[in-house]
Amino acid sequence: MLVQIPNVLDAAQVQLFRDELGKAEWSDGRGSAGYLARKVKDNQQLPDDHPVGRKLAEIVLTALRGNELFTAAALPLKIVPPMFNRYDATQTYGRHVDGSIRPLKGGMRVRTDLSATLFLSDPAEYDGGELVIEDTFGVRRIKLAAGNMVLYPGTSVHSVNPITRGQRLASFFWIQSMVREDSKRVLLLELDRAIQKIARDTPQQSATTDLAGVYHNLLRLWADA
């Protein structure tokens, strides 16, 4: 499942992020990569404990708590605090798969069922830098407007094309879903969307309650909470 989520951040929030990140001190992104990914990773990253990163991460998490599409698609149980990266000219991140488990401070671990990229640069500001996701439907190249986010399975092989002009800013993070299997999350999202459409188009339809019952019984069957 690949889901594009528009307007996670509004224009004022995007500008705030860009101002704050423009003043921050960046480090080599390879410091947080695993053994294989380190060989193909060439970008800059805000350290996990950077105060600017912590401040902006909380804004992202607050926005996601109120985002109905994100909640319906991800069915989030745990979210790794959002991090931030920057790609300048010639920088890239070759083909890789994200680690399956992300350790956090305090001993907590997050299973990376879903990966998320929140774009912070306008596409006209840079050339290249597409997020390339390989899935069962083929190769997808994603380059979204600032403030928009893409959600995709953590199992996907993916990469970031080389920057040939300008600079690409983004936030990235992982989600452990209440429903582990992507195929089941897809079915639940499709069912949720259908229920909402029926409720909107024919509010007098009594079968909507029955369908909602099916949705929640499937979620009850499949979810870890």
C-alpha atoms as a PDB file:
ATOM      1  CA  MET A   1       0.000   0.000   0.000  1.00  0.00           C
ATOM      2  CA  LEU A   2       1.281   3.418  -0.973  1.00  0.00           C
ATOM      3  CA  VAL A   3      -0.802   6.338   0.320  1.00  0.00           C
ATOM      4  CA  GLN A   4      -0.194  10.022  -0.358  1.00  0.00           C
ATOM      5  CA  ILE A   5      -1.420  12.236   2.481  1.00  0.00           C
ATOM      6  CA  PRO A   6      -1.860  15.902   1.500  1.00  0.00           C
ATOM      7  CA  ASN A   7      -1.480  18.936   3.741  1.00  0.00           C
ATOM      8  CA  VAL A   8      -0.015  17.270   6.815  1.00  0.00           C
ATOM      9  CA  LEU A   9       1.607  20.656   7.420  1.00  0.00           C
ATOM     10  CA  ASP A  10       0.173  23.962   6.233  1.00  0.00           C
ATOM     11  CA  ALA A  11       2.214  26.678   4.489  1.00  0.00           C
ATOM     12  CA  ALA A  12       3.013  28.537   7.713  1.00  0.00           C
ATOM     13  CA  GLN A  13       4.241  25.355   9.389  1.00  0.00           C
ATOM     14  CA  VAL A  14       6.384  24.458   6.381  1.00  0.00           C
ATOM     15  CA  GLN A  15       7.991  27.889   6.496  1.00  0.00           C
ATOM     16  CA  LEU A  16       8.642  27.497  10.225  1.00  0.00           C
ATOM     17  CA  PHE A  17      10.323  24.150   9.611  1.00  0.00           C
ATOM     18  CA  ARG A  18      12.484  25.574   6.843  1.00  0.00           C
ATOM     19  CA  ASP A  19      13.536  28.556   8.978  1.00  0.00           C
ATOM     20  CA  GLU A  20      14.418  26.364  11.949  1.00  0.00           C
ATOM     21  CA  LEU A  21      16.242  23.747   9.882  1.00  0.00           C
ATOM     22  CA  GLY A  22      18.128  26.470   8.019  1.00  0.00           C
ATOM     23  CA  LYS A  23      19.774  27.520  11.291  1.00  0.00           C
ATOM     24  CA  ALA A  24      20.460  23.990  12.599  1.00  0.00           C
ATOM     25  CA  GLU A  25      23.747  22.098  12.654  1.00  0.00           C
ATOM     26  CA  TRP A  26      23.661  19.011  10.449  1.00  0.00           C
ATOM     27  CA  SER A  27      25.737  15.831  10.632  1.00  0.00           C
ATOM     28  CA  ASP A  28      26.688  13.061   8.229  1.00  0.00           C
ATOM     29  CA  GLY A  29      23.610  10.905   7.622  1.00  0.00           C
ATOM     30  CA  ARG A  30      25.656   7.719   7.485  1.00  0.00           C
ATOM     31  CA  GLY A  31      25.985   7.793  11.254  1.00  0.00           C
ATOM     32  CA  SER A  32      22.476   6.372  11.696  1.00  0.00           C
ATOM     33  CA  ALA A  33      22.607   3.826   8.848  1.00  0.00           C
ATOM     34  CA  GLY A  34      23.112   0.088   9.123  1.00  0.00           C
ATOM     35  CA  TYR A  35      26.121  -1.725   7.684  1.00  0.00           C
ATOM     36  CA  LEU A  36      24.748  -2.179   4.152  1.00  0.00           C
ATOM     37  CA  ALA A  37      22.835   1.116   3.935  1.00  0.00           C
ATOM     38  CA  ARG A  38      25.925   3.042   5.044  1.00  0.00           C
ATOM     39  CA  LYS A  39      27.611   2.099   1.782  1.00  0.00           C
ATOM     40  CA  VAL A  40      24.937   3.793  -0.349  1.00  0.00           C
ATOM     41  CA  LYS A  41      23.844   6.674   1.896  1.00  0.00           C
ATOM     42  CA  ASP A  42      25.082  10.186   1.188  1.00  0.00           C
ATOM     43  CA  ASN A  43      23.041  12.899   2.884  1.00  0.00           C
ATOM     44  CA  GLN A  44      22.932  15.091   5.956  1.00  0.00           C
ATOM     45  CA  GLN A  45      20.820  14.442   8.999  1.00  0.00           C
ATOM     46  CA  LEU A  46      19.779  16.291  12.124  1.00  0.00           C
ATOM     47  CA  PRO A  47      21.066  14.390  15.191  1.00  0.00           C
ATOM     48  CA  ASP A  48      18.326  12.495  17.041  1.00  0.00           C
ATOM     49  CA  ASP A  49      18.772  14.577  20.202  1.00  0.00           C
ATOM     50  CA  HIS A  50      18.936  17.962  18.468  1.00  0.00           C
ATOM     51  CA  PRO A  51      16.546  20.426  20.214  1.00  0.00           C
ATOM     52  CA  VAL A  52      15.271  21.772  16.879  1.00  0.00           C
ATOM     53  CA  GLY A  53      14.523  18.240  15.729  1.00  0.00           C
ATOM     54  CA  ARG A  54      12.643  17.416  18.929  1.00  0.00           C
ATOM     55  CA  LYS A  55      10.586  20.604  18.642  1.00  0.00           C
ATOM     56  CA  LEU A  56       9.634  20.019  15.007  1.00  0.00           C
ATOM     57  CA  ALA A  57       8.981  16.305  15.568  1.00  0.00           C
ATOM     58  CA  GLU A  58       6.322  17.144  18.132  1.00  0.00           C
ATOM     59  CA  ILE A  59       4.596  19.425  15.626  1.00  0.00           C
ATOM     60  CA  VAL A  60       4.524  16.581  13.092  1.00  0.00           C
ATOM     61  CA  LEU A  61       3.146  14.123  15.658  1.00  0.00           C
ATOM     62  CA  THR A  62       0.445  16.596  16.706  1.00  0.00           C
ATOM     63  CA  ALA A  63      -0.568  17.075  13.060  1.00  0.00           C
ATOM     64  CA  LEU A  64      -0.753  13.315  12.526  1.00  0.00           C
ATOM     65  CA  ARG A  65      -2.969  12.779  15.558  1.00  0.00           C
ATOM     66  CA  GLY A  66      -5.621  14.897  13.871  1.00  0.00           C
ATOM     67  CA  ASN A  67      -5.176  13.468  10.377  1.00  0.00           C
ATOM     68  CA  GLU A  68      -8.001  11.046   9.562  1.00  0.00           C
ATOM     69  CA  LEU A  69      -6.371   9.597   6.435  1.00  0.00           C
ATOM     70  CA  PHE A  70      -3.126   8.841   8.268  1.00  0.00           C
ATOM     71  CA  THR A  71      -5.008   7.164  11.109  1.00  0.00           C
ATOM     72  CA  ALA A  72      -7.135   5.084   8.737  1.00  0.00           C
ATOM     73  CA  ALA A  73      -4.195   4.003   6.566  1.00  0.00           C
ATOM     74  CA  ALA A  74      -1.562   3.399   9.240  1.00  0.00           C
ATOM     75  CA  LEU A  75      -3.675   2.301  12.227  1.00  0.00           C
ATOM     76  CA  PRO A  76      -0.712   3.461  14.314  1.00  0.00           C
ATOM     77  CA  LEU A  77       0.348   1.745  17.528  1.00  0.00           C
ATOM     78  CA  LYS A  78       3.815   3.300  17.932  1.00  0.00           C
ATOM     79  CA  ILE A  79       5.559   6.050  15.974  1.00  0.00           C
ATOM     80  CA  VAL A  80       9.302   6.638  15.896  1.00  0.00           C
ATOM     81  CA  PRO A  81       9.854  10.368  16.587  1.00  0.00           C
ATOM     82  CA  PRO A  82      10.221  12.069  13.191  1.00  0.00           C
ATOM     83  CA  MET A  83      13.758  12.844  12.035  1.00  0.00           C
ATOM     84  CA  PHE A  84      15.020  15.241   9.390  1.00  0.00           C
ATOM     85  CA  ASN A  85      17.412  14.964   6.458  1.00  0.00           C
ATOM     86  CA  ARG A  86      18.874  17.214   3.794  1.00  0.00           C
ATOM     87  CA  TYR A  87      20.213  16.415   0.331  1.00  0.00           C
ATOM     88  CA  ASP A  88      22.453  18.919  -1.439  1.00  0.00           C
ATOM     89  CA  ALA A  89      23.727  18.740  -5.031  1.00  0.00           C
ATOM     90  CA  THR A  90      25.013  15.251  -6.027  1.00  0.00           C
ATOM     91  CA  GLN A  91      23.815  13.661  -2.776  1.00  0.00           C
ATOM     92  CA  THR A  92      21.736  10.505  -2.952  1.00  0.00           C
ATOM     93  CA  TYR A  93      20.635   7.393  -1.072  1.00  0.00           C
ATOM     94  CA  GLY A  94      20.978   4.165  -3.036  1.00  0.00           C
ATOM     95  CA  ARG A  95      18.685   1.133  -2.973  1.00  0.00           C
ATOM     96  CA  HIS A  96      18.122  -0.162   0.555  1.00  0.00           C
ATOM     97  CA  VAL A  97      15.569  -1.656   2.917  1.00  0.00           C
ATOM     98  CA  ASP A  98      14.894  -0.070   6.287  1.00  0.00           C
ATOM     99  CA  GLY A  99      15.775  -2.103   9.369  1.00  0.00           C
ATOM    100  CA  SER A 100      12.864  -4.149  10.689  1.00  0.00           C
ATOM    101  CA  ILE A 101      13.181  -3.012  14.318  1.00  0.00           C
ATOM    102  CA  ARG A 102      14.016   0.504  15.475  1.00  0.00           C
ATOM    103  CA  PRO A 103      15.341   0.764  19.052  1.00  0.00           C
ATOM    104  CA  LEU A 104      14.452   3.882  21.026  1.00  0.00           C
ATOM    105  CA  LYS A 105      15.738   5.358  24.253  1.00  0.00           C
ATOM    106  CA  GLY A 106      14.371   3.685  27.347  1.00  0.00           C
ATOM    107  CA  GLY A 107      14.515   0.208  25.832  1.00  0.00           C
ATOM    108  CA  MET A 108      11.386   0.515  23.689  1.00  0.00           C
ATOM    109  CA  ARG A 109      11.442  -1.040  20.242  1.00  0.00           C
ATOM    110  CA  VAL A 110       9.307  -0.194  17.228  1.00  0.00           C
ATOM    111  CA  ARG A 111       8.618  -2.645  14.405  1.00  0.00           C
ATOM    112  CA  THR A 112       8.859  -0.661  11.172  1.00  0.00           C
ATOM    113  CA  ASP A 113       5.681  -1.795   9.412  1.00  0.00           C
ATOM    114  CA  LEU A 114       5.368   1.521   7.567  1.00  0.00           C
ATOM    115  CA  SER A 115       7.828   4.147   6.388  1.00  0.00           C
ATOM    116  CA  ALA A 116       6.891   7.800   5.954  1.00  0.00           C
ATOM    117  CA  THR A 117       8.490  10.716   4.114  1.00  0.00           C
ATOM    118  CA  LEU A 118       7.137  14.225   4.716  1.00  0.00           C
ATOM    119  CA  PHE A 119       8.376  16.622   2.035  1.00  0.00           C
ATOM    120  CA  LEU A 120       9.525  20.087   3.176  1.00  0.00           C
ATOM    121  CA  SER A 121      10.906  21.485  -0.108  1.00  0.00           C
ATOM    122  CA  ASP A 122       8.804  22.577  -3.058  1.00  0.00           C
ATOM    123  CA  PRO A 123       9.445  20.364  -6.123  1.00  0.00           C
ATOM    124  CA  ALA A 124      10.391  23.429  -8.193  1.00  0.00           C
ATOM    125  CA  GLU A 125      13.279  24.155  -5.842  1.00  0.00           C
ATOM    126  CA  TYR A 126      15.317  21.100  -6.774  1.00  0.00           C
ATOM    127  CA  ASP A 127      15.917  18.647  -9.592  1.00  0.00           C
ATOM    128  CA  GLY A 128      16.289  14.953  -8.947  1.00  0.00           C
ATOM    129  CA  GLY A 129      15.682  13.783  -5.392  1.00  0.00           C
ATOM    130  CA  GLU A 130      12.678  11.595  -6.199  1.00  0.00           C
ATOM    131  CA  LEU A 131      11.827   8.958  -3.625  1.00  0.00           C
ATOM    132  CA  VAL A 132      11.868   5.722  -5.627  1.00  0.00           C
ATOM    133  CA  ILE A 133       9.785   2.889  -4.143  1.00  0.00           C
ATOM    134  CA  GLU A 134       9.818  -0.631  -5.577  1.00  0.00           C
ATOM    135  CA  ASP A 135       6.667  -2.609  -4.824  1.00  0.00           C
ATOM    136  CA  THR A 136       4.387  -5.237  -6.352  1.00  0.00           C
ATOM    137  CA  PHE A 137       2.991  -2.639  -8.763  1.00  0.00           C
ATOM    138  CA  GLY A 138       6.425  -1.732 -10.123  1.00  0.00           C
ATOM    139  CA  VAL A 139       8.690   1.238  -9.524  1.00  0.00           C
ATOM    140  CA  ARG A 140       7.057   4.418  -8.187  1.00  0.00           C
ATOM    141  CA  ARG A 141       8.807   7.811  -8.232  1.00  0.00           C
ATOM    142  CA  ILE A 142       7.478  10.198  -5.623  1.00  0.00           C
ATOM    143  CA  LYS A 143       8.115  13.940  -5.410  1.00  0.00           C
ATOM    144  CA  LEU A 144       5.400  15.769  -3.509  1.00  0.00           C
ATOM    145  CA  ALA A 145       4.584  19.353  -2.638  1.00  0.00           C
ATOM    146  CA  ALA A 146       5.969  20.720   0.616  1.00  0.00           C
ATOM    147  CA  GLY A 147       3.747  19.685   3.512  1.00  0.00           C
ATOM    148  CA  ASN A 148       2.569  16.484   1.823  1.00  0.00           C
ATOM    149  CA  MET A 149       3.563  13.004   2.963  1.00  0.00           C
ATOM    150  CA  VAL A 150       3.828   9.531   1.472  1.00  0.00           C
ATOM    151  CA  LEU A 151       3.231   6.391   3.505  1.00  0.00           C
ATOM    152  CA  TYR A 152       4.528   3.036   2.214  1.00  0.00           C
ATOM    153  CA  PRO A 153       5.392  -0.457   3.503  1.00  0.00           C
ATOM    154  CA  GLY A 154       8.642  -0.692   5.430  1.00  0.00           C
ATOM    155  CA  THR A 155       9.376  -3.894   3.527  1.00  0.00           C
ATOM    156  CA  SER A 156       9.841  -1.963   0.261  1.00  0.00           C
ATOM    157  CA  VAL A 157      13.213  -1.532  -1.385  1.00  0.00           C
ATOM    158  CA  HIS A 158      13.583   2.200  -1.943  1.00  0.00           C
ATOM    159  CA  SER A 159      16.081   4.935  -2.769  1.00  0.00           C
ATOM    160  CA  VAL A 160      16.453   8.689  -3.279  1.00  0.00           C
ATOM    161  CA  ASN A 161      17.646   9.811  -6.709  1.00  0.00           C
ATOM    162  CA  PRO A 162      20.704  12.100  -6.849  1.00  0.00           C
ATOM    163  CA  ILE A 163      20.087  15.821  -6.482  1.00  0.00           C
ATOM    164  CA  THR A 164      21.225  17.664  -9.600  1.00  0.00           C
ATOM    165  CA  ARG A 165      20.085  21.167  -8.578  1.00  0.00           C
ATOM    166  CA  GLY A 166      19.021  22.813  -5.348  1.00  0.00           C
ATOM    167  CA  GLN A 167      18.344  21.215  -1.993  1.00  0.00           C
ATOM    168  CA  ARG A 168      15.803  18.690  -0.693  1.00  0.00           C
ATOM    169  CA  LEU A 169      14.544  18.861   2.898  1.00  0.00           C
ATOM    170  CA  ALA A 170      12.321  16.181   4.388  1.00  0.00           C
ATOM    171  CA  SER A 171      11.208  14.487   7.564  1.00  0.00           C
ATOM    172  CA  PHE A 172      11.222  10.706   7.768  1.00  0.00           C
ATOM    173  CA  PHE A 173      10.034   8.188  10.340  1.00  0.00           C
ATOM    174  CA  TRP A 174       8.500   4.760  10.884  1.00  0.00           C
ATOM    175  CA  ILE A 175       5.239   3.436  12.273  1.00  0.00           C
ATOM    176  CA  GLN A 176       4.355   0.189  13.983  1.00  0.00           C
ATOM    177  CA  SER A 177       0.776  -0.524  13.017  1.00  0.00           C
ATOM    178  CA  MET A 178      -1.826  -2.288  15.115  1.00  0.00           C
ATOM    179  CA  VAL A 179      -2.238  -4.507  12.032  1.00  0.00           C
ATOM    180  CA  ARG A 180       1.069  -6.055  11.002  1.00  0.00           C
ATOM    181  CA  GLU A 181       0.216  -7.271   7.483  1.00  0.00           C
ATOM    182  CA  ASP A 182       0.043  -4.731   4.682  1.00  0.00           C
ATOM    183  CA  SER A 183      -2.631  -6.711   2.792  1.00  0.00           C
ATOM    184  CA  LYS A 184      -4.943  -6.556   5.802  1.00  0.00           C
ATOM    185  CA  ARG A 185      -4.366  -2.826   6.261  1.00  0.00           C
ATOM    186  CA  VAL A 186      -5.265  -2.338   2.583  1.00  0.00           C
ATOM    187  CA  LEU A 187      -8.556  -4.198   3.031  1.00  0.00           C
ATOM    188  CA  LEU A 188      -9.420  -2.215   6.157  1.00  0.00           C
ATOM    189  CA  LEU A 189      -8.660   1.092   4.456  1.00  0.00           C
ATOM    190  CA  GLU A 190     -10.767   0.177   1.414  1.00  0.00           C
ATOM    191  CA  LEU A 191     -13.638  -0.905   3.663  1.00  0.00           C
ATOM    192  CA  ASP A 192     -13.356   2.256   5.757  1.00  0.00           C
ATOM    193  CA  ARG A 193     -13.455   4.438   2.643  1.00  0.00           C
ATOM    194  CA  ALA A 194     -16.487   2.558   1.289  1.00  0.00           C
ATOM    195  CA  ILE A 195     -18.361   2.922   4.582  1.00  0.00           C
ATOM    196  CA  GLN A 196     -17.668   6.651   4.671  1.00  0.00           C
ATOM    197  CA  LYS A 197     -18.827   7.063   1.059  1.00  0.00           C
ATOM    198  CA  ILE A 198     -22.081   5.209   1.703  1.00  0.00           C
ATOM    199  CA  ALA A 199     -22.697   7.215   4.877  1.00  0.00           C
ATOM    200  CA  ARG A 200     -22.084  10.432   2.960  1.00  0.00           C
ATOM    201  CA  ASP A 201     -24.058   9.600  -0.198  1.00  0.00           C
ATOM    202  CA  THR A 202     -26.964   7.689   1.324  1.00  0.00           C
ATOM    203  CA  PRO A 203     -27.124   8.572   5.031  1.00  0.00           C
ATOM    204  CA  GLN A 204     -30.449   6.770   5.399  1.00  0.00           C
ATOM    205  CA  GLN A 205     -28.842   3.422   4.452  1.00  0.00           C
ATOM    206  CA  SER A 206     -29.169   1.153   7.505  1.00  0.00           C
ATOM    207  CA  ALA A 207     -26.603  -1.317   6.137  1.00  0.00           C
ATOM    208  CA  THR A 208     -23.882   1.198   6.950  1.00  0.00           C
ATOM    209  CA  THR A 209     -24.058   0.103  10.581  1.00  0.00           C
ATOM    210  CA  ASP A 210     -23.656  -3.543   9.541  1.00  0.00           C
ATOM    211  CA  LEU A 211     -20.610  -2.710   7.412  1.00  0.00           C
ATOM    212  CA  ALA A 212     -19.113  -0.707  10.266  1.00  0.00           C
ATOM    213  CA  GLY A 213     -19.580  -3.776  12.421  1.00  0.00           C
ATOM    214  CA  VAL A 214     -17.685  -5.881   9.886  1.00  0.00           C
ATOM    215  CA  TYR A 215     -14.864  -3.323   9.871  1.00  0.00           C
ATOM    216  CA  HIS A 216     -14.513  -3.272  13.638  1.00  0.00           C
ATOM    217  CA  ASN A 217     -14.787  -7.039  13.966  1.00  0.00           C
ATOM    218  CA  LEU A 218     -11.996  -7.489  11.429  1.00  0.00           C
ATOM    219  CA  LEU A 219      -9.898  -4.898  13.258  1.00  0.00           C
ATOM    220  CA  ARG A 220     -10.625  -6.672  16.547  1.00  0.00           C
ATOM    221  CA  LEU A 221      -9.521  -9.953  14.971  1.00  0.00           C
ATOM    222  CA  TRP A 222      -6.303  -8.651  13.404  1.00  0.00           C
ATOM    223  CA  ALA A 223      -5.115  -5.880  15.704  1.00  0.00           C
ATOM    224  CA  ASP A 224      -2.516  -5.851  18.436  1.00  0.00           C
ATOM    225  CA  ALA A 225      -3.193  -2.985  20.805  1.00  0.00           C
END
